[in-house]
């Protein structure tokens, strides 16, 4: 289950970011995950929920935006969305297409609570 490894790295970045910004809590983590990474959304949520316990992100919400695969055909220039297995160009039939989206794996945003300067 590589989702646990992914979320371990995400949680490390989340905690470092929260500390660097003197946050009191992490409220939301938003990820962008390409379907071609083979990461399973439910497994990512499960790993996040397990790893956030007892951390500054304990009550945080996880939002995942799955990115479908998109390829470009060098023969006819067609850009098309497809599933994980059928990358052939639907216009000209060329099988040598180039994946242009779908391998993303990034933290889009981390929302945190930061104390007011008056409270410090």
PDB file of N, CA and C in Angstrom:
ATOM      1  N   UNK A   1       0.850  -1.177   0.000  1.00  0.00           N
ATOM      2  CA  UNK A   1       0.000   0.000   0.000  1.00  0.00           C
ATOM      3  C   UNK A   1       0.893   1.237   0.000  1.00  0.00           C
ATOM      4  N   UNK A   2       1.185   1.778  -1.185  1.00  0.00           N
ATOM      5  CA  UNK A   2       2.039   2.962  -1.260  1.00  0.00           C
ATOM      6  C   UNK A   2       1.323   4.224  -0.797  1.00  0.00           C
ATOM      7  N   UNK A   3       0.018   4.140  -0.582  1.00  0.00           N
ATOM      8  CA  UNK A   3      -0.724   5.290  -0.077  1.00  0.00           C
ATOM      9  C   UNK A   3      -0.243   5.702   1.312  1.00  0.00           C
ATOM     10  N   UNK A   4       0.150   4.735   2.137  1.00  0.00           N
ATOM     11  CA  UNK A   4       0.668   5.054   3.474  1.00  0.00           C
ATOM     12  C   UNK A   4       1.968   5.844   3.354  1.00  0.00           C
ATOM     13  N   UNK A   5       2.826   5.458   2.445  1.00  0.00           N
ATOM     14  CA  UNK A   5       4.070   6.201   2.214  1.00  0.00           C
ATOM     15  C   UNK A   5       3.809   7.607   1.705  1.00  0.00           C
ATOM     16  N   UNK A   6       2.847   7.728   0.795  1.00  0.00           N
ATOM     17  CA  UNK A   6       2.485   9.040   0.270  1.00  0.00           C
ATOM     18  C   UNK A   6       1.997   9.935   1.403  1.00  0.00           C
ATOM     19  N   UNK A   7       1.074   9.407   2.209  1.00  0.00           N
ATOM     20  CA  UNK A   7       0.494  10.219   3.278  1.00  0.00           C
ATOM     21  C   UNK A   7       1.499  10.500   4.392  1.00  0.00           C
ATOM     22  N   UNK A   8       2.447   9.632   4.613  1.00  0.00           N
ATOM     23  CA  UNK A   8       3.502   9.898   5.594  1.00  0.00           C
ATOM     24  C   UNK A   8       4.300  11.122   5.150  1.00  0.00           C
ATOM     25  N   UNK A   9       4.625  11.197   3.865  1.00  0.00           N
ATOM     26  CA  UNK A   9       5.339  12.360   3.331  1.00  0.00           C
ATOM     27  C   UNK A   9       4.482  13.618   3.396  1.00  0.00           C
ATOM     28  N   UNK A  10       3.208  13.491   3.050  1.00  0.00           N
ATOM     29  CA  UNK A  10       2.293  14.630   3.111  1.00  0.00           C
ATOM     30  C   UNK A  10       2.210  15.152   4.542  1.00  0.00           C
ATOM     31  N   UNK A  11       2.041  14.260   5.511  1.00  0.00           N
ATOM     32  CA  UNK A  11       1.914  14.678   6.904  1.00  0.00           C
ATOM     33  C   UNK A  11       3.190  15.349   7.407  1.00  0.00           C
ATOM     34  N   UNK A  12       4.329  14.904   6.936  1.00  0.00           N
ATOM     35  CA  UNK A  12       5.592  15.537   7.317  1.00  0.00           C
ATOM     36  C   UNK A  12       5.620  16.987   6.831  1.00  0.00           C
ATOM     37  N   UNK A  13       5.223  17.217   5.587  1.00  0.00           N
ATOM     38  CA  UNK A  13       5.180  18.572   5.035  1.00  0.00           C
ATOM     39  C   UNK A  13       4.138  19.409   5.769  1.00  0.00           C
ATOM     40  N   UNK A  14       2.990  18.833   6.049  1.00  0.00           N
ATOM     41  CA  UNK A  14       1.916  19.541   6.747  1.00  0.00           C
ATOM     42  C   UNK A  14       2.398  19.998   8.120  1.00  0.00           C
ATOM     43  N   UNK A  15       3.026  19.100   8.867  1.00  0.00           N
ATOM     44  CA  UNK A  15       3.495  19.453  10.206  1.00  0.00           C
ATOM     45  C   UNK A  15       4.594  20.514  10.162  1.00  0.00           C
ATOM     46  N   UNK A  16       5.528  20.384   9.220  1.00  0.00           N
ATOM     47  CA  UNK A  16       6.586  21.381   9.078  1.00  0.00           C
ATOM     48  C   UNK A  16       6.007  22.751   8.722  1.00  0.00           C
ATOM     49  N   UNK A  17       5.049  22.766   7.805  1.00  0.00           N
ATOM     50  CA  UNK A  17       4.421  24.022   7.388  1.00  0.00           C
ATOM     51  C   UNK A  17       3.686  24.670   8.549  1.00  0.00           C
ATOM     52  N   UNK A  18       2.961  23.875   9.307  1.00  0.00           N
ATOM     53  CA  UNK A  18       2.225  24.396  10.464  1.00  0.00           C
ATOM     54  C   UNK A  18       3.189  24.992  11.491  1.00  0.00           C
ATOM     55  N   UNK A  19       4.275  24.292  11.767  1.00  0.00           N
ATOM     56  CA  UNK A  19       5.265  24.786  12.732  1.00  0.00           C
ATOM     57  C   UNK A  19       5.912  26.084  12.247  1.00  0.00           C
ATOM     58  N   UNK A  20       6.284  26.134  10.983  1.00  0.00           N
ATOM     59  CA  UNK A  20       6.941  27.320  10.420  1.00  0.00           C
ATOM     60  C   UNK A  20       6.036  28.553  10.457  1.00  0.00           C
ATOM     61  N   UNK A  21       4.728  28.323  10.465  1.00  0.00           N
ATOM     62  CA  UNK A  21       3.775  29.432  10.460  1.00  0.00           C
ATOM     63  C   UNK A  21       3.126  29.652  11.825  1.00  0.00           C
ATOM     64  N   UNK A  22       3.684  29.015  12.859  1.00  0.00           N
ATOM     65  CA  UNK A  22       3.174  29.140  14.222  1.00  0.00           C
ATOM     66  C   UNK A  22       1.679  28.847  14.311  1.00  0.00           C
ATOM     67  N   UNK A  23       1.226  27.877  13.560  1.00  0.00           N
ATOM     68  CA  UNK A  23      -0.188  27.511  13.544  1.00  0.00           C
ATOM     69  C   UNK A  23      -0.566  26.778  14.829  1.00  0.00           C
ATOM     70  N   UNK A  24      -1.808  26.964  15.216  1.00  0.00           N
ATOM     71  CA  UNK A  24      -2.325  26.238  16.377  1.00  0.00           C
ATOM     72  C   UNK A  24      -3.023  24.956  15.951  1.00  0.00           C
ATOM     73  N   UNK A  25      -3.460  24.906  14.692  1.00  0.00           N
ATOM     74  CA  UNK A  25      -4.128  23.714  14.170  1.00  0.00           C
ATOM     75  C   UNK A  25      -4.112  23.736  12.650  1.00  0.00           C
ATOM     76  N   UNK A  26      -4.123  22.551  12.066  1.00  0.00           N
ATOM     77  CA  UNK A  26      -4.313  22.401  10.622  1.00  0.00           C
ATOM     78  C   UNK A  26      -5.782  22.058  10.443  1.00  0.00           C
ATOM     79  N   UNK A  27      -6.471  22.789   9.591  1.00  0.00           N
ATOM     80  CA  UNK A  27      -7.906  22.567   9.413  1.00  0.00           C
ATOM     81  C   UNK A  27      -8.255  21.814   8.129  1.00  0.00           C
ATOM     82  N   UNK A  28      -7.398  21.944   7.113  1.00  0.00           N
ATOM     83  CA  UNK A  28      -7.700  21.290   5.840  1.00  0.00           C
ATOM     84  C   UNK A  28      -6.421  21.079   5.043  1.00  0.00           C
ATOM     85  N   UNK A  29      -6.343  19.922   4.404  1.00  0.00           N
ATOM     86  CA  UNK A  29      -5.239  19.607   3.502  1.00  0.00           C
ATOM     87  C   UNK A  29      -5.866  19.225   2.164  1.00  0.00           C
ATOM     88  N   UNK A  30      -5.434  19.892   1.100  1.00  0.00           N
ATOM     89  CA  UNK A  30      -5.963  19.615  -0.239  1.00  0.00           C
ATOM     90  C   UNK A  30      -4.854  19.030  -1.102  1.00  0.00           C
ATOM     91  N   UNK A  31      -5.150  17.886  -1.708  1.00  0.00           N
ATOM     92  CA  UNK A  31      -4.189  17.202  -2.569  1.00  0.00           C
ATOM     93  C   UNK A  31      -4.716  17.128  -3.997  1.00  0.00           C
ATOM     94  N   UNK A  32      -3.786  17.065  -4.932  1.00  0.00           N
ATOM     95  CA  UNK A  32      -4.073  16.817  -6.334  1.00  0.00           C
ATOM     96  C   UNK A  32      -3.368  15.499  -6.657  1.00  0.00           C
ATOM     97  N   UNK A  33      -4.146  14.497  -7.085  1.00  0.00           N
ATOM     98  CA  UNK A  33      -3.598  13.164  -7.320  1.00  0.00           C
ATOM     99  C   UNK A  33      -4.013  12.679  -8.705  1.00  0.00           C
ATOM    100  N   UNK A  34      -3.041  12.420  -9.536  1.00  0.00           N
ATOM    101  CA  UNK A  34      -3.318  11.885 -10.867  1.00  0.00           C
ATOM    102  C   UNK A  34      -3.705  10.421 -10.794  1.00  0.00           C
ATOM    103  N   UNK A  35      -4.691  10.042 -11.583  1.00  0.00           N
ATOM    104  CA  UNK A  35      -5.146   8.651 -11.589  1.00  0.00           C
ATOM    105  C   UNK A  35      -4.058   7.681 -12.036  1.00  0.00           C
ATOM    106  N   UNK A  36      -3.093   8.148 -12.825  1.00  0.00           N
ATOM    107  CA  UNK A  36      -2.013   7.282 -13.305  1.00  0.00           C
ATOM    108  C   UNK A  36      -0.978   6.979 -12.221  1.00  0.00           C
ATOM    109  N   UNK A  37      -1.092   7.615 -11.059  1.00  0.00           N
ATOM    110  CA  UNK A  37      -0.195   7.276  -9.950  1.00  0.00           C
ATOM    111  C   UNK A  37      -0.590   5.950  -9.318  1.00  0.00           C
ATOM    112  N   UNK A  38      -1.798   5.479  -9.659  1.00  0.00           N
ATOM    113  CA  UNK A  38      -2.361   4.244  -9.109  1.00  0.00           C
ATOM    114  C   UNK A  38      -2.729   4.375  -7.636  1.00  0.00           C
ATOM    115  N   UNK A  39      -2.686   5.587  -7.082  1.00  0.00           N
ATOM    116  CA  UNK A  39      -3.086   5.797  -5.691  1.00  0.00           C
ATOM    117  C   UNK A  39      -4.603   5.682  -5.596  1.00  0.00           C
ATOM    118  N   UNK A  40      -5.056   4.985  -4.578  1.00  0.00           N
ATOM    119  CA  UNK A  40      -6.486   4.775  -4.367  1.00  0.00           C
ATOM    120  C   UNK A  40      -6.979   5.808  -3.358  1.00  0.00           C
ATOM    121  N   UNK A  41      -7.988   6.568  -3.756  1.00  0.00           N
ATOM    122  CA  UNK A  41      -8.475   7.671  -2.935  1.00  0.00           C
ATOM    123  C   UNK A  41      -8.889   7.212  -1.531  1.00  0.00           C
ATOM    124  N   UNK A  42      -9.645   6.132  -1.426  1.00  0.00           N
ATOM    125  CA  UNK A  42     -10.083   5.640  -0.112  1.00  0.00           C
ATOM    126  C   UNK A  42      -8.900   5.250   0.770  1.00  0.00           C
ATOM    127  N   UNK A  43      -7.872   4.669   0.166  1.00  0.00           N
ATOM    128  CA  UNK A  43      -6.689   4.276   0.934  1.00  0.00           C
ATOM    129  C   UNK A  43      -5.911   5.503   1.406  1.00  0.00           C
ATOM    130  N   UNK A  44      -5.888   6.563   0.590  1.00  0.00           N
ATOM    131  CA  UNK A  44      -5.244   7.809   1.016  1.00  0.00           C
ATOM    132  C   UNK A  44      -5.980   8.412   2.207  1.00  0.00           C
ATOM    133  N   UNK A  45      -7.306   8.413   2.151  1.00  0.00           N
ATOM    134  CA  UNK A  45      -8.113   8.943   3.259  1.00  0.00           C
ATOM    135  C   UNK A  45      -7.880   8.115   4.524  1.00  0.00           C
ATOM    136  N   UNK A  46      -7.866   6.805   4.385  1.00  0.00           N
ATOM    137  CA  UNK A  46      -7.629   5.914   5.526  1.00  0.00           C
ATOM    138  C   UNK A  46      -6.267   6.192   6.159  1.00  0.00           C
ATOM    139  N   UNK A  47      -5.238   6.311   5.323  1.00  0.00           N
ATOM    140  CA  UNK A  47      -3.890   6.578   5.825  1.00  0.00           C
ATOM    141  C   UNK A  47      -3.825   7.942   6.505  1.00  0.00           C
ATOM    142  N   UNK A  48      -4.456   8.950   5.905  1.00  0.00           N
ATOM    143  CA  UNK A  48      -4.476  10.291   6.495  1.00  0.00           C
ATOM    144  C   UNK A  48      -5.132  10.257   7.870  1.00  0.00           C
ATOM    145  N   UNK A  49      -6.291   9.604   7.952  1.00  0.00           N
ATOM    146  CA  UNK A  49      -7.012   9.528   9.225  1.00  0.00           C
ATOM    147  C   UNK A  49      -6.187   8.825  10.300  1.00  0.00           C
ATOM    148  N   UNK A  50      -5.443   7.807   9.920  1.00  0.00           N
ATOM    149  CA  UNK A  50      -4.610   7.087  10.888  1.00  0.00           C
ATOM    150  C   UNK A  50      -3.407   7.924  11.331  1.00  0.00           C
ATOM    151  N   UNK A  51      -2.790   8.623  10.387  1.00  0.00           N
ATOM    152  CA  UNK A  51      -1.575   9.373  10.688  1.00  0.00           C
ATOM    153  C   UNK A  51      -1.822  10.704  11.395  1.00  0.00           C
ATOM    154  N   UNK A  52      -3.004  11.270  11.262  1.00  0.00           N
ATOM    155  CA  UNK A  52      -3.259  12.586  11.849  1.00  0.00           C
ATOM    156  C   UNK A  52      -3.555  12.534  13.346  1.00  0.00           C
ATOM    157  N   UNK A  53      -3.886  11.347  13.857  1.00  0.00           N
ATOM    158  CA  UNK A  53      -4.214  11.225  15.279  1.00  0.00           C
ATOM    159  C   UNK A  53      -3.051  11.687  16.145  1.00  0.00           C
ATOM    160  N   UNK A  54      -3.375  12.551  17.109  1.00  0.00           N
ATOM    161  CA  UNK A  54      -2.370  13.030  18.043  1.00  0.00           C
ATOM    162  C   UNK A  54      -1.439  14.090  17.479  1.00  0.00           C
ATOM    163  N   UNK A  55      -1.759  14.629  16.289  1.00  0.00           N
ATOM    164  CA  UNK A  55      -0.909  15.649  15.680  1.00  0.00           C
ATOM    165  C   UNK A  55      -1.668  16.974  15.617  1.00  0.00           C
ATOM    166  N   UNK A  56      -1.002  17.994  15.146  1.00  0.00           N
ATOM    167  CA  UNK A  56      -1.623  19.305  14.973  1.00  0.00           C
ATOM    168  C   UNK A  56      -2.738  19.259  13.916  1.00  0.00           C
ATOM    169  N   UNK A  57      -2.753  18.202  13.130  1.00  0.00           N
ATOM    170  CA  UNK A  57      -3.763  18.035  12.084  1.00  0.00           C
ATOM    171  C   UNK A  57      -4.873  17.063  12.498  1.00  0.00           C
ATOM    172  N   UNK A  58      -4.976  16.799  13.777  1.00  0.00           N
ATOM    173  CA  UNK A  58      -5.913  15.777  14.259  1.00  0.00           C
ATOM    174  C   UNK A  58      -7.353  15.996  13.795  1.00  0.00           C
ATOM    175  N   UNK A  59      -7.788  17.235  13.689  1.00  0.00           N
ATOM    176  CA  UNK A  59      -9.166  17.520  13.275  1.00  0.00           C
ATOM    177  C   UNK A  59      -9.260  18.018  11.839  1.00  0.00           C
ATOM    178  N   UNK A  60      -8.193  17.852  11.087  1.00  0.00           N
ATOM    179  CA  UNK A  60      -8.158  18.365   9.714  1.00  0.00           C
ATOM    180  C   UNK A  60      -8.997  17.523   8.763  1.00  0.00           C
ATOM    181  N   UNK A  61      -9.507  18.208   7.758  1.00  0.00           N
ATOM    182  CA  UNK A  61     -10.249  17.573   6.675  1.00  0.00           C
ATOM    183  C   UNK A  61      -9.273  17.334   5.523  1.00  0.00           C
ATOM    184  N   UNK A  62      -9.426  16.206   4.843  1.00  0.00           N
ATOM    185  CA  UNK A  62      -8.614  15.913   3.662  1.00  0.00           C
ATOM    186  C   UNK A  62      -9.491  16.045   2.428  1.00  0.00           C
ATOM    187  N   UNK A  63      -9.030  16.853   1.479  1.00  0.00           N
ATOM    188  CA  UNK A  63      -9.734  17.010   0.210  1.00  0.00           C
ATOM    189  C   UNK A  63      -8.800  16.505  -0.884  1.00  0.00           C
ATOM    190  N   UNK A  64      -9.312  15.604  -1.708  1.00  0.00           N
ATOM    191  CA  UNK A  64      -8.500  15.041  -2.786  1.00  0.00           C
ATOM    192  C   UNK A  64      -9.183  15.335  -4.111  1.00  0.00           C
ATOM    193  N   UNK A  65      -8.407  15.918  -5.021  1.00  0.00           N
ATOM    194  CA  UNK A  65      -8.892  16.168  -6.384  1.00  0.00           C
ATOM    195  C   UNK A  65      -8.169  15.191  -7.303  1.00  0.00           C
ATOM    196  N   UNK A  66      -8.910  14.205  -7.816  1.00  0.00           N
ATOM    197  CA  UNK A  66      -8.330  13.210  -8.705  1.00  0.00           C
ATOM    198  C   UNK A  66      -8.272  13.780 -10.126  1.00  0.00           C
ATOM    199  N   UNK A  67      -7.113  13.640 -10.759  1.00  0.00           N
ATOM    200  CA  UNK A  67      -6.885  14.169 -12.103  1.00  0.00           C
ATOM    201  C   UNK A  67      -6.912  13.012 -13.105  1.00  0.00           C
ATOM    202  N   UNK A  68      -7.865  13.035 -14.044  1.00  0.00           N
ATOM    203  CA  UNK A  68      -7.925  11.958 -15.032  1.00  0.00           C
ATOM    204  C   UNK A  68      -6.758  12.055 -16.017  1.00  0.00           C
ATOM    205  N   UNK A  69      -6.380  10.927 -16.590  1.00  0.00           N
ATOM    206  CA  UNK A  69      -5.303  10.948 -17.571  1.00  0.00           C
ATOM    207  C   UNK A  69      -5.711  11.694 -18.839  1.00  0.00           C
ATOM    208  N   UNK A  70      -4.759  12.449 -19.364  1.00  0.00           N
ATOM    209  CA  UNK A  70      -4.959  13.176 -20.618  1.00  0.00           C
ATOM    210  C   UNK A  70      -3.676  13.008 -21.421  1.00  0.00           C
ATOM    211  N   UNK A  71      -3.832  12.704 -22.690  1.00  0.00           N
ATOM    212  CA  UNK A  71      -2.671  12.520 -23.564  1.00  0.00           C
ATOM    213  C   UNK A  71      -2.775  13.376 -24.807  1.00  0.00           C
ATOM    214  N   UNK A  72      -1.632  13.528 -25.460  1.00  0.00           N
ATOM    215  CA  UNK A  72      -1.522  14.297 -26.690  1.00  0.00           C
ATOM    216  C   UNK A  72      -0.973  13.383 -27.782  1.00  0.00           C
ATOM    217  N   UNK A  73      -1.498  13.521 -28.968  1.00  0.00           N
ATOM    218  CA  UNK A  73      -1.038  12.718 -30.105  1.00  0.00           C
ATOM    219  C   UNK A  73      -0.070  13.534 -30.957  1.00  0.00           C
ATOM    220  N   UNK A  74       1.161  13.046 -31.140  1.00  0.00           N
ATOM    221  CA  UNK A  74       2.124  13.783 -31.964  1.00  0.00           C
ATOM    222  C   UNK A  74       1.799  13.723 -33.462  1.00  0.00           C
ATOM    223  N   UNK A  75       0.982  12.766 -33.864  1.00  0.00           N
ATOM    224  CA  UNK A  75       0.621  12.616 -35.282  1.00  0.00           C
ATOM    225  C   UNK A  75      -0.394  13.660 -35.727  1.00  0.00           C
ATOM    226  N   UNK A  76      -1.506  13.766 -34.972  1.00  0.00           N
ATOM    227  CA  UNK A  76      -2.592  14.650 -35.415  1.00  0.00           C
ATOM    228  C   UNK A  76      -2.825  15.838 -34.475  1.00  0.00           C
ATOM    229  N   UNK A  77      -2.124  15.872 -33.340  1.00  0.00           N
ATOM    230  CA  UNK A  77      -2.245  16.985 -32.417  1.00  0.00           C
ATOM    231  C   UNK A  77      -3.435  16.909 -31.472  1.00  0.00           C
ATOM    232  N   UNK A  78      -4.204  15.839 -31.551  1.00  0.00           N
ATOM    233  CA  UNK A  78      -5.374  15.672 -30.689  1.00  0.00           C
ATOM    234  C   UNK A  78      -4.943  15.536 -29.223  1.00  0.00           C
ATOM    235  N   UNK A  79      -5.640  16.239 -28.344  1.00  0.00           N
ATOM    236  CA  UNK A  79      -5.443  16.107 -26.900  1.00  0.00           C
ATOM    237  C   UNK A  79      -6.736  15.525 -26.361  1.00  0.00           C
ATOM    238  N   UNK A  80      -6.639  14.442 -25.606  1.00  0.00           N
ATOM    239  CA  UNK A  80      -7.840  13.718 -25.205  1.00  0.00           C
ATOM    240  C   UNK A  80      -7.696  13.101 -23.817  1.00  0.00           C
ATOM    241  N   UNK A  81      -8.833  13.006 -23.128  1.00  0.00           N
ATOM    242  CA  UNK A  81      -8.919  12.354 -21.829  1.00  0.00           C
ATOM    243  C   UNK A  81      -9.211  10.879 -22.086  1.00  0.00           C
ATOM    244  N   UNK A  82      -8.631  10.013 -21.266  1.00  0.00           N
ATOM    245  CA  UNK A  82      -8.807   8.573 -21.453  1.00  0.00           C
ATOM    246  C   UNK A  82      -8.749   7.873 -20.106  1.00  0.00           C
ATOM    247  N   UNK A  83      -8.946   6.566 -20.105  1.00  0.00           N
ATOM    248  CA  UNK A  83      -8.793   5.817 -18.864  1.00  0.00           C
ATOM    249  C   UNK A  83      -7.331   5.390 -18.727  1.00  0.00           C
ATOM    250  N   UNK A  84      -7.022   4.655 -17.693  1.00  0.00           N
ATOM    251  CA  UNK A  84      -5.624   4.286 -17.414  1.00  0.00           C
ATOM    252  C   UNK A  84      -5.042   3.341 -18.449  1.00  0.00           C
ATOM    253  N   UNK A  85      -5.871   2.641 -19.194  1.00  0.00           N
ATOM    254  CA  UNK A  85      -5.380   1.565 -20.045  1.00  0.00           C
ATOM    255  C   UNK A  85      -5.418   1.857 -21.545  1.00  0.00           C
ATOM    256  N   UNK A  86      -6.225   2.803 -21.982  1.00  0.00           N
ATOM    257  CA  UNK A  86      -6.424   3.045 -23.408  1.00  0.00           C
ATOM    258  C   UNK A  86      -5.904   4.425 -23.786  1.00  0.00           C
ATOM    259  N   UNK A  87      -4.611   4.474 -24.141  1.00  0.00           N
ATOM    260  CA  UNK A  87      -3.970   5.750 -24.449  1.00  0.00           C
ATOM    261  C   UNK A  87      -3.863   6.018 -25.937  1.00  0.00           C
ATOM    262  N   UNK A  88      -4.402   5.141 -26.761  1.00  0.00           N
ATOM    263  CA  UNK A  88      -4.360   5.348 -28.204  1.00  0.00           C
ATOM    264  C   UNK A  88      -5.224   6.530 -28.614  1.00  0.00           C
ATOM    265  N   UNK A  89      -4.786   7.252 -29.616  1.00  0.00           N
ATOM    266  CA  UNK A  89      -5.512   8.432 -30.092  1.00  0.00           C
ATOM    267  C   UNK A  89      -6.852   8.015 -30.712  1.00  0.00           C
ATOM    268  N   UNK A  90      -7.954   8.573 -30.210  1.00  0.00           N
ATOM    269  CA  UNK A  90      -9.262   8.229 -30.773  1.00  0.00           C
ATOM    270  C   UNK A  90      -9.508   8.842 -32.160  1.00  0.00           C
ATOM    271  N   UNK A  91      -8.687   9.825 -32.546  1.00  0.00           N
ATOM    272  CA  UNK A  91      -8.859  10.473 -33.860  1.00  0.00           C
ATOM    273  C   UNK A  91      -8.156   9.711 -34.973  1.00  0.00           C
ATOM    274  N   UNK A  92      -6.869   9.390 -34.774  1.00  0.00           N
ATOM    275  CA  UNK A  92      -6.096   8.770 -35.860  1.00  0.00           C
ATOM    276  C   UNK A  92      -5.627   7.348 -35.553  1.00  0.00           C
ATOM    277  N   UNK A  93      -5.823   6.895 -34.299  1.00  0.00           N
ATOM    278  CA  UNK A  93      -5.442   5.527 -33.945  1.00  0.00           C
ATOM    279  C   UNK A  93      -3.987   5.362 -33.533  1.00  0.00           C
ATOM    280  N   UNK A  94      -3.192   6.428 -33.549  1.00  0.00           N
ATOM    281  CA  UNK A  94      -1.790   6.349 -33.151  1.00  0.00           C
ATOM    282  C   UNK A  94      -1.690   5.848 -31.710  1.00  0.00           C
ATOM    283  N   UNK A  95      -0.836   4.869 -31.480  1.00  0.00           N
ATOM    284  CA  UNK A  95      -0.670   4.307 -30.133  1.00  0.00           C
ATOM    285  C   UNK A  95       0.483   4.961 -29.373  1.00  0.00           C
ATOM    286  N   UNK A  96       1.288   5.763 -30.045  1.00  0.00           N
ATOM    287  CA  UNK A  96       2.432   6.401 -29.412  1.00  0.00           C
ATOM    288  C   UNK A  96       2.079   7.822 -28.987  1.00  0.00           C
ATOM    289  N   UNK A  97       1.236   7.936 -27.981  1.00  0.00           N
ATOM    290  CA  UNK A  97       0.805   9.234 -27.480  1.00  0.00           C
ATOM    291  C   UNK A  97       1.628   9.615 -26.256  1.00  0.00           C
ATOM    292  N   UNK A  98       1.549  10.877 -25.881  1.00  0.00           N
ATOM    293  CA  UNK A  98       2.314  11.392 -24.748  1.00  0.00           C
ATOM    294  C   UNK A  98       1.358  11.802 -23.625  1.00  0.00           C
ATOM    295  N   UNK A  99       1.579  11.252 -22.458  1.00  0.00           N
ATOM    296  CA  UNK A  99       0.765  11.600 -21.301  1.00  0.00           C
ATOM    297  C   UNK A  99       1.099  13.028 -20.872  1.00  0.00           C
ATOM    298  N   UNK A 100       0.072  13.903 -20.795  1.00  0.00           N
ATOM    299  CA  UNK A 100       0.299  15.294 -20.404  1.00  0.00           C
ATOM    300  C   UNK A 100      -0.323  15.624 -19.039  1.00  0.00           C
ATOM    301  N   UNK A 101      -1.252  14.817 -18.557  1.00  0.00           N
ATOM    302  CA  UNK A 101      -1.841  14.962 -17.224  1.00  0.00           C
ATOM    303  C   UNK A 101      -2.189  13.581 -16.689  1.00  0.00           C
ATOM    304  N   UNK A 102      -2.198  13.483 -15.366  1.00  0.00           N
ATOM    305  CA  UNK A 102      -2.613  12.228 -14.752  1.00  0.00           C
ATOM    306  C   UNK A 102      -1.574  11.592 -13.852  1.00  0.00           C
ATOM    307  N   UNK A 103      -0.342  12.155 -13.819  1.00  0.00           N
ATOM    308  CA  UNK A 103       0.714  11.624 -12.944  1.00  0.00           C
ATOM    309  C   UNK A 103       0.994  12.574 -11.778  1.00  0.00           C
ATOM    310  N   UNK A 104       0.155  13.610 -11.625  1.00  0.00           N
ATOM    311  CA  UNK A 104       0.364  14.605 -10.574  1.00  0.00           C
ATOM    312  C   UNK A 104       0.229  13.964  -9.194  1.00  0.00           C
ATOM    313  N   UNK A 105       0.994  14.497  -8.274  1.00  0.00           N
ATOM    314  CA  UNK A 105       0.875  14.138  -6.866  1.00  0.00           C
ATOM    315  C   UNK A 105       1.434  15.329  -6.102  1.00  0.00           C
ATOM    316  N   UNK A 106       0.524  16.202  -5.654  1.00  0.00           N
ATOM    317  CA  UNK A 106       0.968  17.449  -5.051  1.00  0.00           C
ATOM    318  C   UNK A 106       0.013  17.905  -3.956  1.00  0.00           C
ATOM    319  N   UNK A 107       0.577  18.619  -3.004  1.00  0.00           N
ATOM    320  CA  UNK A 107      -0.234  19.296  -2.003  1.00  0.00           C
ATOM    321  C   UNK A 107      -0.649  20.621  -2.636  1.00  0.00           C
ATOM    322  N   UNK A 108      -1.948  20.818  -2.805  1.00  0.00           N
ATOM    323  CA  UNK A 108      -2.440  22.073  -3.388  1.00  0.00           C
ATOM    324  C   UNK A 108      -2.496  23.166  -2.344  1.00  0.00           C
ATOM    325  N   UNK A 109      -2.948  22.824  -1.140  1.00  0.00           N
ATOM    326  CA  UNK A 109      -3.024  23.833  -0.086  1.00  0.00           C
ATOM    327  C   UNK A 109      -3.092  23.175   1.285  1.00  0.00           C
ATOM    328  N   UNK A 110      -2.663  23.953   2.274  1.00  0.00           N
ATOM    329  CA  UNK A 110      -2.752  23.560   3.679  1.00  0.00           C
ATOM    330  C   UNK A 110      -3.385  24.739   4.403  1.00  0.00           C
ATOM    331  N   UNK A 111      -4.541  24.512   4.993  1.00  0.00           N
ATOM    332  CA  UNK A 111      -5.221  25.576   5.731  1.00  0.00           C
ATOM    333  C   UNK A 111      -4.957  25.371   7.214  1.00  0.00           C
ATOM    334  N   UNK A 112      -4.579  26.469   7.880  1.00  0.00           N
ATOM    335  CA  UNK A 112      -4.225  26.403   9.286  1.00  0.00           C
ATOM    336  C   UNK A 112      -4.894  27.523  10.074  1.00  0.00           C
ATOM    337  N   UNK A 113      -4.990  27.313  11.386  1.00  0.00           N
ATOM    338  CA  UNK A 113      -5.405  28.377  12.287  1.00  0.00           C
ATOM    339  C   UNK A 113      -4.139  29.000  12.844  1.00  0.00           C
ATOM    340  N   UNK A 114      -4.053  30.325  12.767  1.00  0.00           N
ATOM    341  CA  UNK A 114      -2.916  31.061  13.305  1.00  0.00           C
ATOM    342  C   UNK A 114      -3.457  32.035  14.338  1.00  0.00           C
ATOM    343  N   UNK A 115      -2.851  32.077  15.526  1.00  0.00           N
ATOM    344  CA  UNK A 115      -3.369  32.981  16.559  1.00  0.00           C
ATOM    345  C   UNK A 115      -3.221  34.439  16.143  1.00  0.00           C
ATOM    346  N   UNK A 116      -4.185  35.266  16.580  1.00  0.00           N
ATOM    347  CA  UNK A 116      -4.086  36.702  16.335  1.00  0.00           C
ATOM    348  C   UNK A 116      -2.881  37.232  17.094  1.00  0.00           C
ATOM    349  N   UNK A 117      -2.271  38.292  16.575  1.00  0.00           N
ATOM    350  CA  UNK A 117      -1.121  38.885  17.254  1.00  0.00           C
ATOM    351  C   UNK A 117      -1.494  39.388  18.636  1.00  0.00           C
ATOM    352  N   UNK A 118      -2.758  39.788  18.825  1.00  0.00           N
ATOM    353  CA  UNK A 118      -3.226  40.270  20.128  1.00  0.00           C
ATOM    354  C   UNK A 118      -3.234  39.154  21.170  1.00  0.00           C
ATOM    355  N   UNK A 119      -3.377  37.908  20.716  1.00  0.00           N
ATOM    356  CA  UNK A 119      -3.473  36.771  21.634  1.00  0.00           C
ATOM    357  C   UNK A 119      -2.115  36.299  22.102  1.00  0.00           C
ATOM    358  N   UNK A 120      -1.050  36.722  21.430  1.00  0.00           N
ATOM    359  CA  UNK A 120       0.279  36.216  21.776  1.00  0.00           C
ATOM    360  C   UNK A 120       0.828  36.862  23.009  1.00  0.00           C
TER     361      UNK A 120
END
